[in-house]
Amino acid sequence: MASLVFQFGPGHEVRMPFDSRVELAVHLSILIHGGVVAAAREIGVTRNVLFRWAQRGVTPHGGNLRGLAKAANVPASWLEADEGPETGSAQAREEADDGQAEDDNSSD
C-alpha cells in the first residue's frame, strides 16, 4: 500500500495511505481544495463512475462522495452522469485514439 506523506516541520508528518488511484484522487482533491471530480479526471476516472458511487453514497474506500464533493466546493452538477456509455480511463482513450489515427494514416 502506498502513502502520501506530508511533513509539517521536524517530527510532524501525516501519512495518507491509499489502495487505488481513486483514493489518491480523493486525498489530493481534499488537500488542494480542488474538487473530487477534477482530481479524478486527472487520473482517468470517468464521471459515470463517480456518478455510480454518488448514487450509492460512498466511494470504494468508504468515503461519502457527496460529502467530500461538498467539502471541496464541487458543484452537485459535476456528479451527474455524462451522456453515453462509460469509456474507461483517459489513458486508454488516448491510446485508442492514437491507434485509430495510425490506422487512418496508414490507409492513405
PDB file of N, CA and C in Angstrom:
ATOM      1  N   MET A   1       0.850  -1.181   0.000  1.00  0.00           N
ATOM      2  CA  MET A   1       0.000   0.000   0.000  1.00  0.00           C
ATOM      3  C   MET A   1       0.894   1.241   0.000  1.00  0.00           C
ATOM      4  N   ALA A   2       0.609   2.163  -0.880  1.00  0.00           N
ATOM      5  CA  ALA A   2       1.360   3.415  -0.970  1.00  0.00           C
ATOM      6  C   ALA A   2       0.761   4.448  -0.014  1.00  0.00           C
ATOM      7  N   SER A   3       1.537   5.487   0.257  1.00  0.00           N
ATOM      8  CA  SER A   3       1.062   6.565   1.120  1.00  0.00           C
ATOM      9  C   SER A   3       1.527   7.907   0.601  1.00  0.00           C
ATOM     10  N   LEU A   4       0.664   8.902   0.768  1.00  0.00           N
ATOM     11  CA  LEU A   4       1.101  10.281   0.616  1.00  0.00           C
ATOM     12  C   LEU A   4       1.665  10.684   1.971  1.00  0.00           C
ATOM     13  N   VAL A   5       2.802  11.355   1.978  1.00  0.00           N
ATOM     14  CA  VAL A   5       3.409  11.782   3.232  1.00  0.00           C
ATOM     15  C   VAL A   5       3.624  13.288   3.178  1.00  0.00           C
ATOM     16  N   PHE A   6       3.083  13.983   4.157  1.00  0.00           N
ATOM     17  CA  PHE A   6       3.233  15.434   4.251  1.00  0.00           C
ATOM     18  C   PHE A   6       3.965  15.756   5.535  1.00  0.00           C
ATOM     19  N   GLN A   7       5.019  16.551   5.429  1.00  0.00           N
ATOM     20  CA  GLN A   7       5.789  16.936   6.600  1.00  0.00           C
ATOM     21  C   GLN A   7       5.490  18.389   6.945  1.00  0.00           C
ATOM     22  N   PHE A   8       5.167  18.600   8.232  1.00  0.00           N
ATOM     23  CA  PHE A   8       4.860  19.936   8.741  1.00  0.00           C
ATOM     24  C   PHE A   8       5.882  20.315   9.791  1.00  0.00           C
ATOM     25  N   GLY A   9       7.122  20.413   9.381  1.00  0.00           N
ATOM     26  CA  GLY A   9       8.187  20.733  10.324  1.00  0.00           C
ATOM     27  C   GLY A   9       8.821  19.466  10.873  1.00  0.00           C
ATOM     28  N   PRO A  10       9.874  19.627  11.667  1.00  0.00           N
ATOM     29  CA  PRO A  10      10.595  18.462  12.198  1.00  0.00           C
ATOM     30  C   PRO A  10       9.703  17.587  13.067  1.00  0.00           C
ATOM     31  N   GLY A  11       9.658  16.328  12.712  1.00  0.00           N
ATOM     32  CA  GLY A  11       8.921  15.366  13.525  1.00  0.00           C
ATOM     33  C   GLY A  11       7.412  15.379  13.369  1.00  0.00           C
ATOM     34  N   HIS A  12       6.890  16.216  12.497  1.00  0.00           N
ATOM     35  CA  HIS A  12       5.447  16.274  12.300  1.00  0.00           C
ATOM     36  C   HIS A  12       5.126  15.868  10.864  1.00  0.00           C
ATOM     37  N   GLU A  13       4.498  14.722  10.722  1.00  0.00           N
ATOM     38  CA  GLU A  13       4.109  14.301   9.388  1.00  0.00           C
ATOM     39  C   GLU A  13       2.760  13.613   9.427  1.00  0.00           C
ATOM     40  N   VAL A  14       2.112  13.654   8.311  1.00  0.00           N
ATOM     41  CA  VAL A  14       0.815  12.993   8.153  1.00  0.00           C
ATOM     42  C   VAL A  14       0.947  12.007   7.003  1.00  0.00           C
ATOM     43  N   ARG A  15       0.551  10.770   7.248  1.00  0.00           N
ATOM     44  CA  ARG A  15       0.558   9.750   6.199  1.00  0.00           C
ATOM     45  C   ARG A  15      -0.881   9.443   5.809  1.00  0.00           C
ATOM     46  N   MET A  16      -1.117   9.450   4.501  1.00  0.00           N
ATOM     47  CA  MET A  16      -2.451   9.140   3.989  1.00  0.00           C
ATOM     48  C   MET A  16      -2.321   7.929   3.075  1.00  0.00           C
ATOM     49  N   PRO A  17      -2.579   6.728   3.595  1.00  0.00           N
ATOM     50  CA  PRO A  17      -2.442   5.531   2.760  1.00  0.00           C
ATOM     51  C   PRO A  17      -3.551   5.458   1.719  1.00  0.00           C
ATOM     52  N   PHE A  18      -3.242   4.860   0.594  1.00  0.00           N
ATOM     53  CA  PHE A  18      -4.263   4.652  -0.426  1.00  0.00           C
ATOM     54  C   PHE A  18      -4.006   3.343  -1.160  1.00  0.00           C
ATOM     55  N   ASP A  19      -5.091   2.663  -1.528  1.00  0.00           N
ATOM     56  CA  ASP A  19      -5.016   1.391  -2.240  1.00  0.00           C
ATOM     57  C   ASP A  19      -5.205   1.561  -3.735  1.00  0.00           C
ATOM     58  N   SER A  20      -5.775   2.675  -4.130  1.00  0.00           N
ATOM     59  CA  SER A  20      -6.142   2.813  -5.537  1.00  0.00           C
ATOM     60  C   SER A  20      -5.939   4.245  -6.005  1.00  0.00           C
ATOM     61  N   ARG A  21      -6.001   4.410  -7.304  1.00  0.00           N
ATOM     62  CA  ARG A  21      -5.905   5.746  -7.890  1.00  0.00           C
ATOM     63  C   ARG A  21      -7.062   6.616  -7.428  1.00  0.00           C
ATOM     64  N   VAL A  22      -8.194   5.993  -7.175  1.00  0.00           N
ATOM     65  CA  VAL A  22      -9.374   6.749  -6.750  1.00  0.00           C
ATOM     66  C   VAL A  22      -9.144   7.342  -5.364  1.00  0.00           C
ATOM     67  N   GLU A  23      -8.642   6.535  -4.455  1.00  0.00           N
ATOM     68  CA  GLU A  23      -8.361   7.052  -3.119  1.00  0.00           C
ATOM     69  C   GLU A  23      -7.343   8.181  -3.186  1.00  0.00           C
ATOM     70  N   LEU A  24      -6.328   8.025  -4.024  1.00  0.00           N
ATOM     71  CA  LEU A  24      -5.332   9.077  -4.185  1.00  0.00           C
ATOM     72  C   LEU A  24      -5.999  10.353  -4.684  1.00  0.00           C
ATOM     73  N   ALA A  25      -6.891  10.243  -5.646  1.00  0.00           N
ATOM     74  CA  ALA A  25      -7.579  11.419  -6.182  1.00  0.00           C
ATOM     75  C   ALA A  25      -8.386  12.118  -5.101  1.00  0.00           C
ATOM     76  N   VAL A  26      -9.083  11.346  -4.283  1.00  0.00           N
ATOM     77  CA  VAL A  26      -9.894  11.943  -3.222  1.00  0.00           C
ATOM     78  C   VAL A  26      -9.001  12.653  -2.216  1.00  0.00           C
ATOM     79  N   HIS A  27      -7.908  11.999  -1.803  1.00  0.00           N
ATOM     80  CA  HIS A  27      -6.990  12.637  -0.863  1.00  0.00           C
ATOM     81  C   HIS A  27      -6.453  13.943  -1.428  1.00  0.00           C
ATOM     82  N   LEU A  28      -5.977  13.892  -2.663  1.00  0.00           N
ATOM     83  CA  LEU A  28      -5.398  15.090  -3.272  1.00  0.00           C
ATOM     84  C   LEU A  28      -6.427  16.201  -3.407  1.00  0.00           C
ATOM     85  N   SER A  29      -7.634  15.833  -3.808  1.00  0.00           N
ATOM     86  CA  SER A  29      -8.655  16.852  -4.016  1.00  0.00           C
ATOM     87  C   SER A  29      -9.006  17.560  -2.713  1.00  0.00           C
ATOM     88  N   ILE A  30      -9.049  16.819  -1.630  1.00  0.00           N
ATOM     89  CA  ILE A  30      -9.341  17.433  -0.339  1.00  0.00           C
ATOM     90  C   ILE A  30      -8.195  18.346   0.080  1.00  0.00           C
ATOM     91  N   LEU A  31      -6.983  17.872  -0.129  1.00  0.00           N
ATOM     92  CA  LEU A  31      -5.824  18.659   0.308  1.00  0.00           C
ATOM     93  C   LEU A  31      -5.691  19.966  -0.451  1.00  0.00           C
ATOM     94  N   ILE A  32      -5.981  19.957  -1.725  1.00  0.00           N
ATOM     95  CA  ILE A  32      -5.797  21.180  -2.505  1.00  0.00           C
ATOM     96  C   ILE A  32      -7.100  21.936  -2.711  1.00  0.00           C
ATOM     97  N   HIS A  33      -8.191  21.462  -2.125  1.00  0.00           N
ATOM     98  CA  HIS A  33      -9.498  22.106  -2.247  1.00  0.00           C
ATOM     99  C   HIS A  33      -9.895  22.281  -3.708  1.00  0.00           C
ATOM    100  N   GLY A  34      -9.461  21.346  -4.541  1.00  0.00           N
ATOM    101  CA  GLY A  34      -9.737  21.456  -5.968  1.00  0.00           C
ATOM    102  C   GLY A  34     -11.061  20.838  -6.358  1.00  0.00           C
ATOM    103  N   GLY A  35     -11.347  19.667  -5.851  1.00  0.00           N
ATOM    104  CA  GLY A  35     -12.584  19.001  -6.198  1.00  0.00           C
ATOM    105  C   GLY A  35     -12.350  17.542  -6.520  1.00  0.00           C
ATOM    106  N   VAL A  36     -13.239  16.698  -6.037  1.00  0.00           N
ATOM    107  CA  VAL A  36     -13.130  15.262  -6.256  1.00  0.00           C
ATOM    108  C   VAL A  36     -13.156  14.939  -7.739  1.00  0.00           C
ATOM    109  N   VAL A  37     -14.059  15.547  -8.466  1.00  0.00           N
ATOM    110  CA  VAL A  37     -14.220  15.223  -9.874  1.00  0.00           C
ATOM    111  C   VAL A  37     -13.011  15.654 -10.684  1.00  0.00           C
ATOM    112  N   ALA A  38     -12.525  16.857 -10.444  1.00  0.00           N
ATOM    113  CA  ALA A  38     -11.374  17.358 -11.194  1.00  0.00           C
ATOM    114  C   ALA A  38     -10.152  16.478 -10.954  1.00  0.00           C
ATOM    115  N   ALA A  39      -9.916  16.095  -9.716  1.00  0.00           N
ATOM    116  CA  ALA A  39      -8.762  15.244  -9.419  1.00  0.00           C
ATOM    117  C   ALA A  39      -8.941  13.857 -10.031  1.00  0.00           C
ATOM    118  N   ALA A  40     -10.150  13.333  -9.967  1.00  0.00           N
ATOM    119  CA  ALA A  40     -10.391  12.019 -10.543  1.00  0.00           C
ATOM    120  C   ALA A  40     -10.169  12.029 -12.048  1.00  0.00           C
ATOM    121  N   ARG A  41     -10.594  13.085 -12.706  1.00  0.00           N
ATOM    122  CA  ARG A  41     -10.382  13.187 -14.151  1.00  0.00           C
ATOM    123  C   ARG A  41      -8.909  13.115 -14.502  1.00  0.00           C
ATOM    124  N   GLU A  42      -8.072  13.738 -13.670  1.00  0.00           N
ATOM    125  CA  GLU A  42      -6.641  13.755 -13.942  1.00  0.00           C
ATOM    126  C   GLU A  42      -6.051  12.355 -13.990  1.00  0.00           C
ATOM    127  N   ILE A  43      -6.639  11.418 -13.268  1.00  0.00           N
ATOM    128  CA  ILE A  43      -6.116  10.055 -13.269  1.00  0.00           C
ATOM    129  C   ILE A  43      -7.001   9.107 -14.058  1.00  0.00           C
ATOM    130  N   GLY A  44      -7.954   9.652 -14.815  1.00  0.00           N
ATOM    131  CA  GLY A  44      -8.709   8.842 -15.751  1.00  0.00           C
ATOM    132  C   GLY A  44      -9.967   8.179 -15.212  1.00  0.00           C
ATOM    133  N   VAL A  45     -10.473   8.620 -14.072  1.00  0.00           N
ATOM    134  CA  VAL A  45     -11.731   8.080 -13.564  1.00  0.00           C
ATOM    135  C   VAL A  45     -12.862   8.879 -14.200  1.00  0.00           C
ATOM    136  N   THR A  46     -13.793   8.196 -14.843  1.00  0.00           N
ATOM    137  CA  THR A  46     -14.842   8.898 -15.578  1.00  0.00           C
ATOM    138  C   THR A  46     -15.931   9.429 -14.659  1.00  0.00           C
ATOM    139  N   ARG A  47     -16.672  10.409 -15.163  1.00  0.00           N
ATOM    140  CA  ARG A  47     -17.782  10.960 -14.392  1.00  0.00           C
ATOM    141  C   ARG A  47     -18.862   9.917 -14.177  1.00  0.00           C
ATOM    142  N   ASN A  48     -19.029   8.977 -15.102  1.00  0.00           N
ATOM    143  CA  ASN A  48     -20.043   7.937 -14.916  1.00  0.00           C
ATOM    144  C   ASN A  48     -19.719   7.071 -13.695  1.00  0.00           C
ATOM    145  N   VAL A  49     -18.446   6.768 -13.494  1.00  0.00           N
ATOM    146  CA  VAL A  49     -18.037   6.003 -12.317  1.00  0.00           C
ATOM    147  C   VAL A  49     -18.340   6.805 -11.059  1.00  0.00           C
ATOM    148  N   LEU A  50     -17.968   8.079 -11.052  1.00  0.00           N
ATOM    149  CA  LEU A  50     -18.256   8.923  -9.894  1.00  0.00           C
ATOM    150  C   LEU A  50     -19.753   9.013  -9.638  1.00  0.00           C
ATOM    151  N   PHE A  51     -20.534   9.087 -10.710  1.00  0.00           N
ATOM    152  CA  PHE A  51     -21.983   9.170 -10.562  1.00  0.00           C
ATOM    153  C   PHE A  51     -22.532   7.911  -9.894  1.00  0.00           C
ATOM    154  N   ARG A  52     -22.025   6.739 -10.299  1.00  0.00           N
ATOM    155  CA  ARG A  52     -22.499   5.491  -9.678  1.00  0.00           C
ATOM    156  C   ARG A  52     -22.154   5.463  -8.198  1.00  0.00           C
ATOM    157  N   TRP A  53     -20.936   5.928  -7.844  1.00  0.00           N
ATOM    158  CA  TRP A  53     -20.582   5.963  -6.426  1.00  0.00           C
ATOM    159  C   TRP A  53     -21.473   6.937  -5.685  1.00  0.00           C
ATOM    160  N   ALA A  54     -21.745   8.079  -6.302  1.00  0.00           N
ATOM    161  CA  ALA A  54     -22.585   9.082  -5.648  1.00  0.00           C
ATOM    162  C   ALA A  54     -23.989   8.536  -5.421  1.00  0.00           C
ATOM    163  N   GLN A  55     -24.495   7.740  -6.379  1.00  0.00           N
ATOM    164  CA  GLN A  55     -25.812   7.146  -6.195  1.00  0.00           C
ATOM    165  C   GLN A  55     -25.817   6.217  -4.989  1.00  0.00           C
ATOM    166  N   ARG A  56     -24.715   5.481  -4.801  1.00  0.00           N
ATOM    167  CA  ARG A  56     -24.613   4.592  -3.638  1.00  0.00           C
ATOM    168  C   ARG A  56     -24.242   5.379  -2.392  1.00  0.00           C
ATOM    169  N   GLY A  57     -23.690   6.562  -2.591  1.00  0.00           N
ATOM    170  CA  GLY A  57     -23.356   7.423  -1.459  1.00  0.00           C
ATOM    171  C   GLY A  57     -21.962   7.236  -0.915  1.00  0.00           C
ATOM    172  N   VAL A  58     -21.192   6.327  -1.490  1.00  0.00           N
ATOM    173  CA  VAL A  58     -19.850   6.092  -0.964  1.00  0.00           C
ATOM    174  C   VAL A  58     -18.857   5.883  -2.098  1.00  0.00           C
ATOM    175  N   THR A  59     -17.591   6.107  -1.790  1.00  0.00           N
ATOM    176  CA  THR A  59     -16.504   5.745  -2.685  1.00  0.00           C
ATOM    177  C   THR A  59     -16.070   4.325  -2.311  1.00  0.00           C
ATOM    178  N   PRO A  60     -15.246   3.683  -3.119  1.00  0.00           N
ATOM    179  CA  PRO A  60     -14.845   2.300  -2.813  1.00  0.00           C
ATOM    180  C   PRO A  60     -14.172   2.128  -1.459  1.00  0.00           C
ATOM    181  N   HIS A  61     -13.529   3.177  -0.934  1.00  0.00           N
ATOM    182  CA  HIS A  61     -12.861   3.028   0.355  1.00  0.00           C
ATOM    183  C   HIS A  61     -13.731   3.510   1.508  1.00  0.00           C
ATOM    184  N   GLY A  62     -15.026   3.765   1.254  1.00  0.00           N
ATOM    185  CA  GLY A  62     -15.952   4.069   2.331  1.00  0.00           C
ATOM    186  C   GLY A  62     -16.206   5.538   2.569  1.00  0.00           C
ATOM    187  N   GLY A  63     -15.560   6.415   1.810  1.00  0.00           N
ATOM    188  CA  GLY A  63     -15.811   7.845   1.976  1.00  0.00           C
ATOM    189  C   GLY A  63     -17.140   8.238   1.356  1.00  0.00           C
ATOM    190  N   ASN A  64     -17.749   9.270   1.877  1.00  0.00           N
ATOM    191  CA  ASN A  64     -19.004   9.766   1.335  1.00  0.00           C
ATOM    192  C   ASN A  64     -18.687  10.749   0.218  1.00  0.00           C
ATOM    193  N   LEU A  65     -18.929  10.351  -1.029  1.00  0.00           N
ATOM    194  CA  LEU A  65     -18.525  11.162  -2.174  1.00  0.00           C
ATOM    195  C   LEU A  65     -19.240  12.497  -2.192  1.00  0.00           C
ATOM    196  N   ARG A  66     -20.540  12.509  -1.950  1.00  0.00           N
ATOM    197  CA  ARG A  66     -21.258  13.785  -1.967  1.00  0.00           C
ATOM    198  C   ARG A  66     -20.753  14.704  -0.850  1.00  0.00           C
ATOM    199  N   GLY A  67     -20.467  14.120   0.307  1.00  0.00           N
ATOM    200  CA  GLY A  67     -19.919  14.917   1.401  1.00  0.00           C
ATOM    201  C   GLY A  67     -18.549  15.481   1.063  1.00  0.00           C
ATOM    202  N   LEU A  68     -17.705  14.641   0.434  1.00  0.00           N
ATOM    203  CA  LEU A  68     -16.383  15.107   0.027  1.00  0.00           C
ATOM    204  C   LEU A  68     -16.502  16.195  -1.027  1.00  0.00           C
ATOM    205  N   ALA A  69     -17.402  15.997  -1.966  1.00  0.00           N
ATOM    206  CA  ALA A  69     -17.581  16.988  -3.031  1.00  0.00           C
ATOM    207  C   ALA A  69     -18.057  18.313  -2.441  1.00  0.00           C
ATOM    208  N   LYS A  70     -18.992  18.243  -1.492  1.00  0.00           N
ATOM    209  CA  LYS A  70     -19.493  19.469  -0.865  1.00  0.00           C
ATOM    210  C   LYS A  70     -18.378  20.181  -0.100  1.00  0.00           C
ATOM    211  N   ALA A  71     -17.574  19.386   0.630  1.00  0.00           N
ATOM    212  CA  ALA A  71     -16.472  19.975   1.398  1.00  0.00           C
ATOM    213  C   ALA A  71     -15.445  20.635   0.481  1.00  0.00           C
ATOM    214  N   ALA A  72     -15.291  20.094  -0.729  1.00  0.00           N
ATOM    215  CA  ALA A  72     -14.322  20.645  -1.675  1.00  0.00           C
ATOM    216  C   ALA A  72     -14.971  21.671  -2.600  1.00  0.00           C
ATOM    217  N   ASN A  73     -16.214  22.076  -2.288  1.00  0.00           N
ATOM    218  CA  ASN A  73     -16.944  23.064  -3.083  1.00  0.00           C
ATOM    219  C   ASN A  73     -17.140  22.638  -4.535  1.00  0.00           C
ATOM    220  N   VAL A  74     -17.394  21.343  -4.742  1.00  0.00           N
ATOM    221  CA  VAL A  74     -17.664  20.830  -6.084  1.00  0.00           C
ATOM    222  C   VAL A  74     -19.162  20.953  -6.345  1.00  0.00           C
ATOM    223  N   PRO A  75     -19.561  21.594  -7.435  1.00  0.00           N
ATOM    224  CA  PRO A  75     -20.989  21.701  -7.737  1.00  0.00           C
ATOM    225  C   PRO A  75     -21.631  20.322  -7.885  1.00  0.00           C
ATOM    226  N   ALA A  76     -22.837  20.163  -7.377  1.00  0.00           N
ATOM    227  CA  ALA A  76     -23.537  18.886  -7.473  1.00  0.00           C
ATOM    228  C   ALA A  76     -23.682  18.438  -8.921  1.00  0.00           C
ATOM    229  N   SER A  77     -23.794  19.385  -9.834  1.00  0.00           N
ATOM    230  CA  SER A  77     -23.962  19.028 -11.251  1.00  0.00           C
ATOM    231  C   SER A  77     -22.758  18.271 -11.796  1.00  0.00           C
ATOM    232  N   TRP A  78     -21.581  18.447 -11.166  1.00  0.00           N
ATOM    233  CA  TRP A  78     -20.394  17.729 -11.631  1.00  0.00           C
ATOM    234  C   TRP A  78     -20.488  16.238 -11.352  1.00  0.00           C
ATOM    235  N   LEU A  79     -21.395  15.841 -10.470  1.00  0.00           N
ATOM    236  CA  LEU A  79     -21.560  14.426 -10.158  1.00  0.00           C
ATOM    237  C   LEU A  79     -22.626  13.767 -11.026  1.00  0.00           C
ATOM    238  N   GLU A  80     -23.192  14.530 -11.958  1.00  0.00           N
ATOM    239  CA  GLU A  80     -24.178  13.950 -12.854  1.00  0.00           C
ATOM    240  C   GLU A  80     -23.467  13.135 -13.922  1.00  0.00           C
ATOM    241  N   ALA A  81     -24.119  12.079 -14.376  1.00  0.00           N
ATOM    242  CA  ALA A  81     -23.514  11.199 -15.379  1.00  0.00           C
ATOM    243  C   ALA A  81     -23.428  11.891 -16.725  1.00  0.00           C
ATOM    244  N   ASP A  82     -22.350  11.590 -17.450  1.00  0.00           N
ATOM    245  CA  ASP A  82     -22.233  12.050 -18.832  1.00  0.00           C
ATOM    246  C   ASP A  82     -23.186  11.232 -19.689  1.00  0.00           C
ATOM    247  N   GLU A  83     -23.508  11.761 -20.849  1.00  0.00           N
ATOM    248  CA  GLU A  83     -24.314  11.009 -21.796  1.00  0.00           C
ATOM    249  C   GLU A  83     -23.470   9.894 -22.395  1.00  0.00           C
ATOM    250  N   GLY A  84     -24.111   8.798 -22.741  1.00  0.00           N
ATOM    251  CA  GLY A  84     -23.415   7.721 -23.437  1.00  0.00           C
ATOM    252  C   GLY A  84     -22.756   6.744 -22.483  1.00  0.00           C
ATOM    253  N   PRO A  85     -22.175   5.687 -23.068  1.00  0.00           N
ATOM    254  CA  PRO A  85     -21.568   4.642 -22.238  1.00  0.00           C
ATOM    255  C   PRO A  85     -20.266   5.108 -21.629  1.00  0.00           C
ATOM    256  N   GLU A  86     -19.894   4.428 -20.571  1.00  0.00           N
ATOM    257  CA  GLU A  86     -18.626   4.726 -19.935  1.00  0.00           C
ATOM    258  C   GLU A  86     -17.493   4.280 -20.857  1.00  0.00           C
ATOM    259  N   THR A  87     -16.462   5.095 -20.932  1.00  0.00           N
ATOM    260  CA  THR A  87     -15.416   4.802 -21.905  1.00  0.00           C
ATOM    261  C   THR A  87     -14.097   4.399 -21.273  1.00  0.00           C
ATOM    262  N   GLY A  88     -14.016   4.298 -19.966  1.00  0.00           N
ATOM    263  CA  GLY A  88     -12.785   3.869 -19.336  1.00  0.00           C
ATOM    264  C   GLY A  88     -11.858   5.026 -19.035  1.00  0.00           C
ATOM    265  N   SER A  89     -10.598   4.702 -18.820  1.00  0.00           N
ATOM    266  CA  SER A  89      -9.646   5.718 -18.396  1.00  0.00           C
ATOM    267  C   SER A  89      -9.254   6.642 -19.531  1.00  0.00           C
ATOM    268  N   ALA A  90      -8.815   7.826 -19.153  1.00  0.00           N
ATOM    269  CA  ALA A  90      -8.355   8.792 -20.147  1.00  0.00           C
ATOM    270  C   ALA A  90      -7.164   8.237 -20.911  1.00  0.00           C
ATOM    271  N   GLN A  91      -6.269   7.534 -20.221  1.00  0.00           N
ATOM    272  CA  GLN A  91      -5.099   6.974 -20.890  1.00  0.00           C
ATOM    273  C   GLN A  91      -5.532   5.933 -21.914  1.00  0.00           C
ATOM    274  N   ALA A  92      -6.491   5.081 -21.570  1.00  0.00           N
ATOM    275  CA  ALA A  92      -6.965   4.080 -22.516  1.00  0.00           C
ATOM    276  C   ALA A  92      -7.609   4.739 -23.725  1.00  0.00           C
ATOM    277  N   ARG A  93      -8.374   5.825 -23.488  1.00  0.00           N
ATOM    278  CA  ARG A  93      -8.995   6.528 -24.608  1.00  0.00           C
ATOM    279  C   ARG A  93      -7.939   7.137 -25.505  1.00  0.00           C
ATOM    280  N   GLU A  94      -6.889   7.728 -24.899  1.00  0.00           N
ATOM    281  CA  GLU A  94      -5.825   8.329 -25.695  1.00  0.00           C
ATOM    282  C   GLU A  94      -5.112   7.268 -26.520  1.00  0.00           C
ATOM    283  N   GLU A  95      -4.850   6.101 -25.912  1.00  0.00           N
ATOM    284  CA  GLU A  95      -4.187   5.032 -26.649  1.00  0.00           C
ATOM    285  C   GLU A  95      -5.058   4.552 -27.792  1.00  0.00           C
ATOM    286  N   ALA A  96      -6.363   4.458 -27.559  1.00  0.00           N
ATOM    287  CA  ALA A  96      -7.281   4.048 -28.622  1.00  0.00           C
ATOM    288  C   ALA A  96      -7.302   5.091 -29.735  1.00  0.00           C
ATOM    289  N   ASP A  97      -7.320   6.368 -29.351  1.00  0.00           N
ATOM    290  CA  ASP A  97      -7.293   7.449 -30.339  1.00  0.00           C
ATOM    291  C   ASP A  97      -6.010   7.407 -31.150  1.00  0.00           C
ATOM    292  N   ASP A  98      -4.874   7.165 -30.477  1.00  0.00           N
ATOM    293  CA  ASP A  98      -3.594   7.077 -31.182  1.00  0.00           C
ATOM    294  C   ASP A  98      -3.606   5.935 -32.183  1.00  0.00           C
ATOM    295  N   GLY A  99      -4.135   4.804 -31.781  1.00  0.00           N
ATOM    296  CA  GLY A  99      -4.217   3.652 -32.676  1.00  0.00           C
ATOM    297  C   GLY A  99      -5.099   3.940 -33.871  1.00  0.00           C
ATOM    298  N   GLN A 100      -6.217   4.627 -33.638  1.00  0.00           N
ATOM    299  CA  GLN A 100      -7.126   4.979 -34.730  1.00  0.00           C
ATOM    300  C   GLN A 100      -6.453   5.942 -35.692  1.00  0.00           C
ATOM    301  N   ALA A 101      -5.712   6.913 -35.153  1.00  0.00           N
ATOM    302  CA  ALA A 101      -5.019   7.878 -36.002  1.00  0.00           C
ATOM    303  C   ALA A 101      -3.978   7.174 -36.865  1.00  0.00           C
ATOM    304  N   GLU A 102      -3.253   6.199 -36.275  1.00  0.00           N
ATOM    305  CA  GLU A 102      -2.259   5.459 -37.046  1.00  0.00           C
ATOM    306  C   GLU A 102      -2.931   4.660 -38.149  1.00  0.00           C
ATOM    307  N   ASP A 103      -4.096   4.036 -37.839  1.00  0.00           N
ATOM    308  CA  ASP A 103      -4.833   3.285 -38.850  1.00  0.00           C
ATOM    309  C   ASP A 103      -5.274   4.202 -39.980  1.00  0.00           C
ATOM    310  N   ASP A 104      -5.768   5.393 -39.624  1.00  0.00           N
ATOM    311  CA  ASP A 104      -6.225   6.353 -40.631  1.00  0.00           C
ATOM    312  C   ASP A 104      -5.071   6.785 -41.523  1.00  0.00           C
ATOM    313  N   ASN A 105      -3.891   7.004 -40.925  1.00  0.00           N
ATOM    314  CA  ASN A 105      -2.734   7.450 -41.697  1.00  0.00           C
ATOM    315  C   ASN A 105      -2.197   6.360 -42.609  1.00  0.00           C
ATOM    316  N   SER A 106      -2.326   5.103 -42.197  1.00  0.00           N
ATOM    317  CA  SER A 106      -1.776   4.019 -42.994  1.00  0.00           C
ATOM    318  C   SER A 106      -2.625   3.720 -44.224  1.00  0.00           C
ATOM    319  N   SER A 107      -3.866   4.173 -44.261  1.00  0.00           N
ATOM    320  CA  SER A 107      -4.746   3.891 -45.389  1.00  0.00           C
ATOM    321  C   SER A 107      -4.583   4.887 -46.516  1.00  0.00           C
ATOM    322  N   ASP A 108      -3.744   5.902 -46.303  1.00  0.00           N
ATOM    323  CA  ASP A 108      -3.533   6.922 -47.341  1.00  0.00           C
ATOM    324  C   ASP A 108      -2.815   6.373 -48.521  1.00  0.00           C
TER     325      ASP A 108
END
